């Protein structure tokens, strides 16, 4: 006989599934339903952009109350030497971990807000004593060792990281569409991997060695993704001083736009230089690879624009974690994490010889792809309204709802729902500013995308029907072959079917190119 009833065992399994699910995917909501049953309050499939920092959905409160009750009951039985089988021991540990996080979540959020202000850093975390006491209380029962040999400081550091990561991912990567939710989920995996148990055991100390490459069109928030990753790193907690080792998690993010600098300046900014190593080097200078602390992050934006010479030098950093200042021979260690981004297709750049293969394969250990605004709105047209409110809030503060309504109405009248937003979210921000100031927005004239690129983009966005895809594909092959018979042979279709599917307007556009 175990120490849990069948109902308690099922409840603990549901809580365990909830604890280790990605919080930004719909599966998280499904696990909440399993835990609460009929007490579940319906919500959207993803975390709502409209939620305010610090606000908590009633489901979270209800789950916490249920966990408190079950944990107290099961612990009492364990303390009285009620035997627990192997599965129950694991379920109990997961239940207590959820309970401990639930009890500290508000204190951790208040600490996060205080630590973002220089005046609030360095103060001891007073509620850690209660946390440590709770760890000892719930794990000091027969047969229960607790995770990581009951190291409260490590658990506390993990919980702090989880709270901080959720905050920065949720409120920096905006969007209420499913593509935006998948992006947030991808960033969560970049921080914690897909296996939180393994991360908590070993990977927390090794993620700085893994390079993250962010790809996607210009204006889709690649730097915001990089910031969320950089500011969500694991920071050890010192139980003696009751402080974290590094509290300036925002100041340890070092962004560098490589496309805006000459090769010499790129090298100087990254690696530093010795006095006299080149014209204008009037004194020794430490580069960002040297300045970056062990828990810091160097962000290399537009990595696809750098020369082969710089690729070779960066490759050495990625392989050996060593570099040299310009004009010096002394090797220096790089102790932080590298996140890179490009709006180019890195695989195509590699195949065309503009990016070294060995460099690409050092960058691609972790890849995050940012969706275009067109993809987000194709999935959820209502997401535009929420994005407008968010952008307007950053620009005007009070009155954001009114501005968003005004901008939304102007877009609907003048651009329409099918406007592709080639500049993505960055263009949408300028649209809001233009309408706020001039009551109009004039999109920049853009060169039409090649037909093949439009087809690929529509397929990726999932906005093309099977019938329309067949029509476009038949037209594309016919433009290449010039005959219905050859097109039918290649596609294994009837000749008359091919003839009926060819789109004359699209064909003219293809032949013009």
Protein backbone atom coordinates (compact mmCIF):
# COMPACT_ATOMS: atom_id res chain seq x y z
CA UNK A 1 0.00 0.00 0.00
CA UNK A 2 1.24 3.48 -0.86
CA UNK A 3 0.74 6.71 1.02
CA UNK A 4 -1.54 8.31 -1.60
CA UNK A 5 -5.17 7.69 -2.48
CA UNK A 6 -6.00 7.11 -6.13
CA UNK A 7 -7.40 10.64 -6.33
CA UNK A 8 -4.24 12.13 -4.83
CA UNK A 9 -2.01 10.10 -7.12
CA UNK A 10 -3.93 11.29 -10.20
CA UNK A 11 -3.84 14.88 -8.94
CA UNK A 12 -0.07 14.72 -8.37
CA UNK A 13 0.50 13.32 -11.86
CA UNK A 14 -1.46 16.23 -13.33
CA UNK A 15 0.53 18.74 -11.28
CA UNK A 16 3.78 17.10 -12.39
CA UNK A 17 2.74 17.37 -16.07
CA UNK A 18 1.80 21.00 -15.49
CA UNK A 19 5.10 21.81 -13.78
CA UNK A 20 7.26 20.54 -16.63
CA UNK A 21 5.19 21.79 -19.56
CA UNK A 22 6.20 24.78 -21.67
CA UNK A 23 4.19 27.68 -20.21
CA UNK A 24 3.75 29.37 -23.59
CA UNK A 25 2.12 26.49 -25.46
CA UNK A 26 -1.57 25.44 -25.41
CA UNK A 27 -0.58 22.23 -23.61
CA UNK A 28 -0.08 24.33 -20.47
CA UNK A 29 -3.77 25.28 -20.48
CA UNK A 30 -4.78 21.65 -21.03
CA UNK A 31 -2.75 20.60 -17.99
CA UNK A 32 -4.46 23.30 -15.93
CA UNK A 33 -7.80 21.77 -16.95
CA UNK A 34 -6.61 18.32 -15.84
CA UNK A 35 -5.60 19.64 -12.42
CA UNK A 36 -8.75 21.68 -11.72
CA UNK A 37 -11.40 19.62 -13.50
CA UNK A 38 -14.79 21.31 -13.19
CA UNK A 39 -13.25 24.23 -11.26
CA UNK A 40 -11.25 25.32 -14.30
CA UNK A 41 -12.08 28.81 -15.60
CA UNK A 42 -11.94 28.99 -19.39
CA UNK A 43 -9.17 31.08 -20.91
CA UNK A 44 -7.54 31.53 -24.30
CA UNK A 45 -5.18 28.92 -25.79
CA UNK A 46 -2.08 31.02 -24.95
CA UNK A 47 -1.03 33.57 -22.33
CA UNK A 48 -2.90 36.77 -23.07
CA UNK A 49 -0.88 39.82 -24.10
CA UNK A 50 -3.38 42.01 -22.26
CA UNK A 51 -2.37 40.56 -18.89
CA UNK A 52 -0.66 43.14 -16.70
CA UNK A 53 2.69 42.46 -15.01
CA UNK A 54 2.10 40.84 -11.64
CA UNK A 55 -1.52 39.90 -12.41
CA UNK A 56 -2.42 36.27 -11.86
CA UNK A 57 -5.20 34.25 -13.45
CA UNK A 58 -7.67 32.74 -10.94
CA UNK A 59 -6.75 29.25 -12.16
CA UNK A 60 -3.21 29.70 -10.83
CA UNK A 61 -4.53 30.68 -7.41
CA UNK A 62 -6.93 27.73 -7.32
CA UNK A 63 -4.21 25.26 -8.31
CA UNK A 64 -1.96 26.61 -5.56
CA UNK A 65 -4.70 26.17 -2.95
CA UNK A 66 -5.28 22.57 -4.04
CA UNK A 67 -1.56 21.78 -3.98
CA UNK A 68 -1.26 23.22 -0.46
CA UNK A 69 -4.01 20.92 0.81
CA UNK A 70 -2.76 17.73 -0.85
CA UNK A 71 0.88 18.40 0.09
CA UNK A 72 0.00 18.87 3.77
CA UNK A 73 -2.07 15.69 3.84
CA UNK A 74 0.50 13.48 2.08
CA UNK A 75 3.40 14.87 4.13
CA UNK A 76 1.57 14.07 7.36
CA UNK A 77 1.19 10.45 6.29
CA UNK A 78 4.84 10.24 5.23
CA UNK A 79 5.95 11.72 8.55
CA UNK A 80 4.03 8.98 10.36
CA UNK A 81 6.09 6.38 8.46
CA UNK A 82 3.44 5.57 5.88
CA UNK A 83 5.31 3.76 3.12
CA UNK A 84 5.63 5.42 -0.29
CA UNK A 85 6.41 3.49 -3.47
CA UNK A 86 8.95 4.75 -6.04
CA UNK A 87 6.37 6.53 -8.20
CA UNK A 88 4.81 8.26 -5.18
CA UNK A 89 8.20 9.55 -4.03
CA UNK A 90 8.78 11.20 -7.41
CA UNK A 91 5.24 12.58 -7.53
CA UNK A 92 5.58 13.95 -4.01
CA UNK A 93 8.85 15.70 -4.87
CA UNK A 94 7.27 17.28 -7.97
CA UNK A 95 4.27 18.35 -5.91
CA UNK A 96 6.48 20.03 -3.31
CA UNK A 97 8.54 21.78 -5.97
CA UNK A 98 5.34 23.27 -7.37
CA UNK A 99 4.28 24.26 -3.85
CA UNK A 100 7.61 25.92 -3.09
CA UNK A 101 7.51 27.93 -6.31
CA UNK A 102 3.89 28.91 -5.67
CA UNK A 103 4.77 30.22 -2.21
CA UNK A 104 7.75 32.27 -3.44
CA UNK A 105 6.40 33.55 -6.77
CA UNK A 106 5.19 36.92 -5.48
CA UNK A 107 8.34 37.59 -3.47
CA UNK A 108 10.48 36.70 -6.49
CA UNK A 109 8.49 39.08 -8.67
CA UNK A 110 8.93 41.91 -6.18
CA UNK A 111 12.65 41.15 -6.05
CA UNK A 112 12.79 41.22 -9.86
CA UNK A 113 11.25 44.68 -9.96
CA UNK A 114 13.59 45.96 -7.24
CA UNK A 115 16.68 44.51 -8.95
CA UNK A 116 15.89 46.36 -12.18
CA UNK A 117 16.58 49.57 -10.24
CA UNK A 118 20.21 50.11 -9.20
CA UNK A 119 19.07 51.39 -5.81
CA UNK A 120 17.35 48.09 -5.08
CA UNK A 121 20.31 45.82 -5.83
CA UNK A 122 22.53 44.16 -3.28
CA UNK A 123 19.91 43.86 -0.56
CA UNK A 124 19.53 40.46 1.15
CA UNK A 125 16.47 38.48 0.09
CA UNK A 126 14.63 38.35 3.39
CA UNK A 127 12.06 35.70 2.47
CA UNK A 128 14.76 33.13 1.63
CA UNK A 129 14.74 32.02 5.28
CA UNK A 130 11.09 30.99 4.96
CA UNK A 131 11.88 29.21 1.69
CA UNK A 132 14.75 27.26 3.25
CA UNK A 133 12.57 26.30 6.20
CA UNK A 134 9.84 25.05 3.84
CA UNK A 135 12.36 22.95 1.89
CA UNK A 136 13.59 21.28 5.08
CA UNK A 137 10.03 20.76 6.35
CA UNK A 138 8.61 19.08 3.27
CA UNK A 139 11.65 17.01 2.31
CA UNK A 140 12.71 15.91 5.81
CA UNK A 141 10.41 12.89 5.83
CA UNK A 142 11.22 9.16 5.60
CA UNK A 143 12.11 7.93 2.12
CA UNK A 144 12.24 11.39 0.51
CA UNK A 145 15.65 12.76 -0.44
CA UNK A 146 14.42 15.67 -2.48
CA UNK A 147 15.87 16.94 -5.75
CA UNK A 148 19.54 17.92 -5.96
CA UNK A 149 20.17 16.55 -2.44
CA UNK A 150 17.82 19.16 -0.97
CA UNK A 151 20.00 22.16 -1.90
CA UNK A 152 17.67 25.07 -1.12
CA UNK A 153 19.99 27.72 -2.61
CA UNK A 154 20.07 26.01 -6.01
CA UNK A 155 16.30 25.50 -6.02
CA UNK A 156 15.83 29.14 -5.08
CA UNK A 157 18.11 30.23 -7.94
CA UNK A 158 16.16 28.04 -10.38
CA UNK A 159 12.82 29.44 -9.21
CA UNK A 160 14.14 32.99 -9.51
CA UNK A 161 15.30 32.25 -13.05
CA UNK A 162 11.92 30.79 -14.00
CA UNK A 163 10.10 33.86 -12.67
CA UNK A 164 12.51 36.22 -14.42
CA UNK A 165 12.46 34.30 -17.71
CA UNK A 166 8.67 34.24 -17.83
CA UNK A 167 8.55 37.98 -17.21
CA UNK A 168 11.04 38.96 -19.92
CA UNK A 169 9.74 36.48 -22.50
CA UNK A 170 6.09 37.37 -21.91
CA UNK A 171 6.44 41.14 -21.87
CA UNK A 172 9.19 41.62 -24.47
CA UNK A 173 7.95 39.20 -27.14
CA UNK A 174 4.48 40.53 -27.81
CA UNK A 175 1.67 39.08 -29.88
CA UNK A 176 -1.50 37.09 -29.18
CA UNK A 177 -1.32 34.87 -32.28
CA UNK A 178 -0.19 31.25 -32.26
CA UNK A 179 3.03 32.06 -34.20
CA UNK A 180 3.90 34.56 -31.46
CA UNK A 181 3.11 31.96 -28.78
CA UNK A 182 5.33 29.42 -30.55
CA UNK A 183 8.11 32.00 -30.64
CA UNK A 184 7.83 32.56 -26.88
CA UNK A 185 7.85 28.78 -26.38
CA UNK A 186 10.99 28.49 -28.54
CA UNK A 187 12.75 31.14 -26.45
CA UNK A 188 11.73 29.30 -23.27
CA UNK A 189 13.43 26.17 -24.67
CA UNK A 190 16.53 28.23 -25.54
CA UNK A 191 16.76 29.19 -21.88
CA UNK A 192 15.79 25.90 -20.17
CA UNK A 193 15.98 23.25 -22.94
CA UNK A 194 12.98 20.96 -23.43
CA UNK A 195 13.79 18.95 -20.28
CA UNK A 196 13.52 21.03 -17.10
CA UNK A 197 14.58 18.13 -14.88
CA UNK A 198 17.87 17.71 -16.75
CA UNK A 199 18.31 21.48 -16.81
CA UNK A 200 17.90 21.69 -13.04
CA UNK A 201 20.39 18.85 -12.51
CA UNK A 202 23.22 19.79 -14.88
CA UNK A 203 22.43 22.03 -17.85
CA UNK A 204 21.91 25.20 -15.81
CA UNK A 205 25.72 25.51 -15.55
CA UNK A 206 26.39 24.72 -19.23
CA UNK A 207 23.99 26.85 -21.26
CA UNK A 208 26.57 29.63 -21.65
CA UNK A 209 28.57 27.32 -23.91
CA UNK A 210 25.67 26.94 -26.35
CA UNK A 211 25.32 29.60 -29.04
CA UNK A 212 21.84 30.69 -30.09
CA UNK A 213 21.18 31.84 -33.67
CA UNK A 214 18.06 33.93 -34.29
CA UNK A 215 16.80 34.19 -37.87
CA UNK A 216 13.85 35.99 -39.39
CA UNK A 217 12.87 39.03 -41.48
CA UNK A 218 13.94 42.52 -40.47
CA UNK A 219 11.63 44.19 -37.97
CA UNK A 220 10.40 40.98 -36.32
CA UNK A 221 12.04 41.56 -32.93
CA UNK A 222 15.22 39.50 -33.10
CA UNK A 223 16.98 41.76 -30.61
CA UNK A 224 14.03 41.48 -28.21
CA UNK A 225 14.39 37.70 -28.41
CA UNK A 226 18.11 38.00 -27.73
CA UNK A 227 17.49 40.28 -24.74
CA UNK A 228 14.94 37.87 -23.31
CA UNK A 229 17.46 35.02 -23.56
CA UNK A 230 20.33 37.09 -22.20
CA UNK A 231 18.41 38.44 -19.21
CA UNK A 232 16.97 35.02 -18.31
CA UNK A 233 20.22 33.22 -17.53
CA UNK A 234 20.78 31.21 -14.35
CA UNK A 235 22.23 33.33 -11.51
CA UNK A 236 23.55 31.45 -8.44
CA UNK A 237 22.25 32.40 -5.01
CA UNK A 238 24.54 32.71 -1.98
CA UNK A 239 22.67 31.46 1.13
CA UNK A 240 25.26 33.04 3.46
CA UNK A 241 24.78 36.61 2.25
CA UNK A 242 21.18 36.00 1.06
CA UNK A 243 22.07 37.65 -2.26
CA UNK A 244 22.41 36.66 -5.92
CA UNK A 245 25.86 36.67 -7.49
CA UNK A 246 24.86 39.02 -10.30
CA UNK A 247 21.82 41.27 -10.03
CA UNK A 248 22.40 43.61 -12.98
CA UNK A 249 21.03 41.12 -15.49
CA UNK A 250 20.00 43.93 -17.83
CA UNK A 251 23.40 45.64 -17.74
CA UNK A 252 25.20 42.43 -18.69
CA UNK A 253 23.64 42.32 -22.17
CA UNK A 254 26.03 43.66 -24.83
CA UNK A 255 24.44 44.24 -28.27
CA UNK A 256 26.56 44.97 -31.35
CA UNK A 257 25.12 45.64 -34.82
CA UNK A 258 27.83 44.25 -37.10
CA UNK A 259 26.38 45.66 -40.33
CA UNK A 260 26.81 49.23 -39.04
CA UNK A 261 30.59 48.92 -38.51
CA UNK A 262 33.69 48.52 -40.64
CA UNK A 263 35.69 45.27 -40.20
CA UNK A 264 38.35 47.09 -38.14
CA UNK A 265 35.76 48.59 -35.82
CA UNK A 266 34.01 45.23 -35.46
CA UNK A 267 37.27 43.62 -34.35
CA UNK A 268 38.02 46.48 -31.98
CA UNK A 269 34.53 46.39 -30.41
CA UNK A 270 34.59 42.61 -30.02
CA UNK A 271 38.19 41.74 -29.26
CA UNK A 272 39.63 45.06 -28.04
CA UNK A 273 43.04 46.37 -29.11
CA UNK A 274 46.48 47.38 -27.94
CA UNK A 275 47.68 50.96 -28.22
CA UNK A 276 49.16 51.68 -31.66
CA UNK A 277 47.79 48.49 -33.27
CA UNK A 278 46.04 50.60 -35.95
CA UNK A 279 45.51 54.26 -36.84
CA UNK A 280 43.45 55.87 -34.10
CA UNK A 281 44.27 53.26 -31.43
CA UNK A 282 45.57 55.78 -28.91
CA UNK A 283 45.26 53.57 -25.84
CA UNK A 284 44.61 49.98 -24.79
CA UNK A 285 40.96 49.05 -24.97
CA UNK A 286 39.05 46.01 -23.73
CA UNK A 287 36.45 44.61 -26.16
CA UNK A 288 33.06 43.26 -25.24
CA UNK A 289 34.24 39.66 -25.27
CA UNK A 290 36.64 40.63 -22.50
CA UNK A 291 34.24 42.88 -20.58
CA UNK A 292 31.34 40.40 -20.68
CA UNK A 293 31.03 38.64 -17.28
CA UNK A 294 30.45 34.87 -16.99
CA UNK A 295 26.69 35.39 -16.67
CA UNK A 296 26.57 38.03 -19.43
CA UNK A 297 25.58 37.78 -23.09
CA UNK A 298 27.13 39.27 -26.21
CA UNK A 299 24.56 39.79 -28.98
CA UNK A 300 25.97 39.84 -32.53
CA UNK A 301 23.26 41.33 -34.75
CA UNK A 302 23.46 40.82 -38.55
CA UNK A 303 26.05 38.07 -38.23
CA UNK A 304 25.47 37.24 -41.90
CA UNK A 305 27.15 40.51 -42.95
CA UNK A 306 30.62 39.86 -41.50
CA UNK A 307 33.69 39.10 -43.62
CA UNK A 308 35.33 35.67 -43.77
CA UNK A 309 38.28 36.98 -41.75
CA UNK A 310 36.00 37.91 -38.84
CA UNK A 311 34.11 34.63 -39.20
CA UNK A 312 37.42 32.80 -38.68
CA UNK A 313 38.18 34.80 -35.53
CA UNK A 314 34.69 34.30 -34.13
CA UNK A 315 34.91 30.61 -34.97
CA UNK A 316 37.96 30.35 -32.73
CA UNK A 317 36.00 31.97 -29.90
CA UNK A 318 33.14 29.52 -30.35
CA UNK A 319 35.48 26.51 -30.49
CA UNK A 320 38.07 27.37 -27.84
CA UNK A 321 36.46 30.21 -25.85
CA UNK A 322 39.71 32.15 -26.39
CA UNK A 323 40.53 35.34 -28.29
CA UNK A 324 43.23 38.00 -28.59
CA UNK A 325 43.16 41.76 -28.62
CA UNK A 326 44.21 43.36 -31.92
CA UNK A 327 47.97 43.82 -31.80
CA UNK A 328 48.44 41.38 -28.90
CA UNK A 329 49.44 37.72 -28.70
CA UNK A 330 48.15 36.95 -25.23
CA UNK A 331 45.08 34.67 -25.30
CA UNK A 332 42.14 35.86 -23.22
CA UNK A 333 39.14 33.76 -22.10
CA UNK A 334 35.58 34.52 -23.14
CA UNK A 335 33.36 33.62 -20.20
CA UNK A 336 29.86 34.63 -21.34
CA UNK A 337 27.25 33.48 -23.85
CA UNK A 338 26.96 34.43 -27.52
CA UNK A 339 23.63 35.06 -29.23
CA UNK A 340 23.70 35.94 -32.95
CA UNK A 341 21.01 37.07 -35.40
CA UNK A 342 20.58 37.52 -39.14
CA UNK A 343 17.76 38.41 -41.52
CA UNK A 344 19.39 36.26 -44.22
CA UNK A 345 18.92 32.55 -44.82
CA UNK A 346 22.12 31.16 -43.24
CA UNK A 347 21.87 27.87 -45.12
CA UNK A 348 21.68 29.71 -48.45
CA UNK A 349 24.53 31.99 -47.39
CA UNK A 350 26.61 28.91 -46.62
CA UNK A 351 25.76 27.21 -49.91
CA UNK A 352 26.55 30.39 -51.86
CA UNK A 353 29.95 30.66 -50.19
CA UNK A 354 29.28 33.80 -48.17
CA UNK A 355 29.28 31.99 -44.83
CA UNK A 356 31.85 29.39 -43.88
CA UNK A 357 30.41 25.93 -43.27
CA UNK A 358 32.39 25.43 -40.07
CA UNK A 359 31.20 28.81 -38.82
CA UNK A 360 27.55 28.01 -39.57
CA UNK A 361 27.73 24.63 -37.84
CA UNK A 362 29.11 26.31 -34.72
CA UNK A 363 26.25 28.82 -34.76
CA UNK A 364 23.35 26.45 -35.36
CA UNK A 365 23.33 24.45 -32.12
CA UNK A 366 20.19 26.37 -31.11
CA UNK A 367 18.05 28.19 -33.71
CA UNK A 368 15.07 30.47 -33.06
CA UNK A 369 13.00 31.75 -36.01
CA UNK A 370 10.97 34.95 -35.58
CA UNK A 371 7.67 35.04 -37.52
CA UNK A 372 6.72 37.93 -39.79
CA UNK A 373 3.83 40.20 -38.86
CA UNK A 374 2.01 38.87 -41.94
CA UNK A 375 2.22 35.32 -40.51
CA UNK A 376 0.89 36.46 -37.14
CA UNK A 377 -2.07 38.34 -38.59
CA UNK A 378 -2.89 35.54 -41.04
CA UNK A 379 -3.20 33.22 -38.04
CA UNK A 380 -5.11 35.69 -35.87
CA UNK A 381 -6.41 38.95 -37.39
CA UNK A 382 -7.53 40.04 -33.92
CA UNK A 383 -3.87 40.11 -32.86
CA UNK A 384 -3.47 43.43 -34.68
CA UNK A 385 -5.67 45.20 -32.15
CA UNK A 386 -3.66 43.91 -29.19
CA UNK A 387 -0.39 44.83 -30.86
CA UNK A 388 -1.68 48.34 -31.49
CA UNK A 389 -2.63 48.74 -27.84
CA UNK A 390 0.81 47.55 -26.75
CA UNK A 391 2.67 49.85 -29.18
CA UNK A 392 0.43 52.83 -28.39
CA UNK A 393 1.02 52.24 -24.68
CA UNK A 394 4.76 52.58 -25.15
CA UNK A 395 4.34 55.78 -27.18
CA UNK A 396 1.59 57.71 -25.37
CA UNK A 397 1.12 55.86 -22.09
CA UNK A 398 -2.32 56.90 -20.90
CA UNK A 399 -4.94 56.81 -23.65
CA UNK A 400 -3.40 53.87 -25.50
CA UNK A 401 -6.80 52.25 -26.11
CA UNK A 402 -8.11 55.37 -27.87
CA UNK A 403 -5.02 55.70 -30.04
CA UNK A 404 -5.14 52.00 -30.92
CA UNK A 405 -8.79 52.31 -31.98
CA UNK A 406 -8.02 55.34 -34.14
CA UNK A 407 -5.05 53.64 -35.81
CA UNK A 408 -6.98 50.40 -36.31
CA UNK A 409 -9.83 52.18 -38.04
CA UNK A 410 -7.41 54.05 -40.32
CA UNK A 411 -5.63 50.82 -41.28
CA UNK A 412 -8.93 49.10 -42.03
CA UNK A 413 -10.12 51.98 -44.26
CA UNK A 414 -6.86 52.67 -46.09
CA UNK A 415 -4.68 49.55 -46.07
CA UNK A 416 -7.14 46.72 -45.53
CA UNK A 417 -6.70 43.35 -43.89
CA UNK A 418 -4.50 42.02 -46.71
CA UNK A 419 -1.74 44.63 -46.37
CA UNK A 420 1.47 42.53 -46.07
CA UNK A 421 3.40 44.76 -43.63
CA UNK A 422 6.79 44.25 -45.32
CA UNK A 423 8.52 46.15 -42.49
CA UNK A 424 6.86 43.90 -39.91
CA UNK A 425 6.35 45.16 -36.33
CA UNK A 426 8.88 47.95 -36.87
CA UNK A 427 6.71 49.29 -39.70
CA UNK A 428 3.59 48.95 -37.57
CA UNK A 429 5.24 51.09 -34.88
CA UNK A 430 5.98 53.82 -37.43
CA UNK A 431 2.43 53.56 -38.72
CA UNK A 432 1.13 54.27 -35.21
CA UNK A 433 3.44 57.29 -34.84
CA UNK A 434 2.51 58.69 -38.27
CA UNK A 435 -1.22 58.45 -37.62
CA UNK A 436 -0.77 59.87 -34.12
CA UNK A 437 1.02 62.93 -35.55
CA UNK A 438 -0.38 63.37 -39.07
CA UNK A 439 -3.53 61.25 -39.01
CA UNK A 440 -2.23 59.28 -42.00
CA UNK A 441 0.45 56.78 -42.94
CA UNK A 442 2.07 56.43 -46.35
CA UNK A 443 3.79 53.05 -46.79
CA UNK A 444 7.13 53.20 -48.55
CA UNK A 445 6.96 51.95 -52.14
CA UNK A 446 8.41 48.47 -52.22
CA UNK A 447 9.55 46.26 -55.03
CA UNK A 448 7.07 43.39 -55.44
CA UNK A 449 8.35 40.10 -54.14
CA UNK A 450 9.14 37.50 -56.81
CA UNK A 451 6.19 35.16 -57.40
CA UNK A 452 8.07 32.10 -56.17
CA UNK A 453 8.95 33.85 -52.91
CA UNK A 454 5.31 34.84 -52.43
CA UNK A 455 4.21 31.24 -52.96
CA UNK A 456 6.73 29.93 -50.43
CA UNK A 457 5.78 32.61 -47.89
CA UNK A 458 2.06 31.85 -48.23
CA UNK A 459 2.69 28.12 -47.83
CA UNK A 460 4.77 28.71 -44.69
CA UNK A 461 2.07 30.99 -43.29
CA UNK A 462 -0.62 28.41 -44.05
CA UNK A 463 -2.77 30.95 -45.90
CA UNK A 464 -3.09 29.14 -49.24
CA UNK A 465 -5.74 26.50 -49.98
CA UNK A 466 -4.88 23.15 -51.57
CA UNK A 467 -6.72 24.17 -54.76
CA UNK A 468 -4.86 27.47 -54.98
CA UNK A 469 -1.52 25.76 -54.31
CA UNK A 470 -2.15 23.30 -57.16
CA UNK A 471 -3.04 26.18 -59.49
CA UNK A 472 0.11 28.12 -58.64
CA UNK A 473 2.33 25.05 -58.87
CA UNK A 474 0.95 24.06 -62.26
CA UNK A 475 1.57 27.59 -63.48
CA UNK A 476 5.11 27.58 -62.13
CA UNK A 477 6.02 24.30 -63.83
CA UNK A 478 4.29 25.33 -67.07
CA UNK A 479 6.34 28.56 -67.14
CA UNK A 480 9.48 26.43 -66.93
CA UNK A 481 8.51 23.76 -69.50
CA UNK A 482 6.47 25.78 -71.98
CA UNK A 483 4.10 22.90 -72.81
CA UNK A 484 1.00 21.41 -71.18
CA UNK A 485 2.13 17.89 -72.09
CA UNK A 486 5.50 18.13 -70.33
CA UNK A 487 3.93 19.84 -67.32
CA UNK A 488 1.34 17.04 -67.08
CA UNK A 489 4.07 14.40 -67.35
CA UNK A 490 6.17 15.93 -64.58
CA UNK A 491 3.22 16.42 -62.24
CA UNK A 492 1.54 13.12 -63.17
CA UNK A 493 -1.70 14.94 -63.97
CA UNK A 494 -4.08 14.86 -66.91
CA UNK A 495 -3.16 17.39 -69.63
CA UNK A 496 -6.63 18.95 -69.52
CA UNK A 497 -6.35 19.36 -65.74
CA UNK A 498 -3.08 21.24 -66.15
CA UNK A 499 -4.58 23.46 -68.85
CA UNK A 500 -7.50 24.37 -66.60
CA UNK A 501 -5.24 25.20 -63.65
CA UNK A 502 -2.74 27.55 -65.30
CA UNK A 503 -3.19 31.09 -63.96
CA UNK A 504 -2.65 33.51 -66.86
CA UNK A 505 -1.91 36.55 -64.67
CA UNK A 506 0.66 34.64 -62.66
CA UNK A 507 2.12 33.15 -65.84
CA UNK A 508 2.62 36.60 -67.37
CA UNK A 509 4.38 37.72 -64.21
CA UNK A 510 6.65 34.66 -64.24
CA UNK A 511 7.55 35.06 -67.91
CA UNK A 512 8.35 38.75 -67.45
CA UNK A 513 11.10 37.76 -65.03
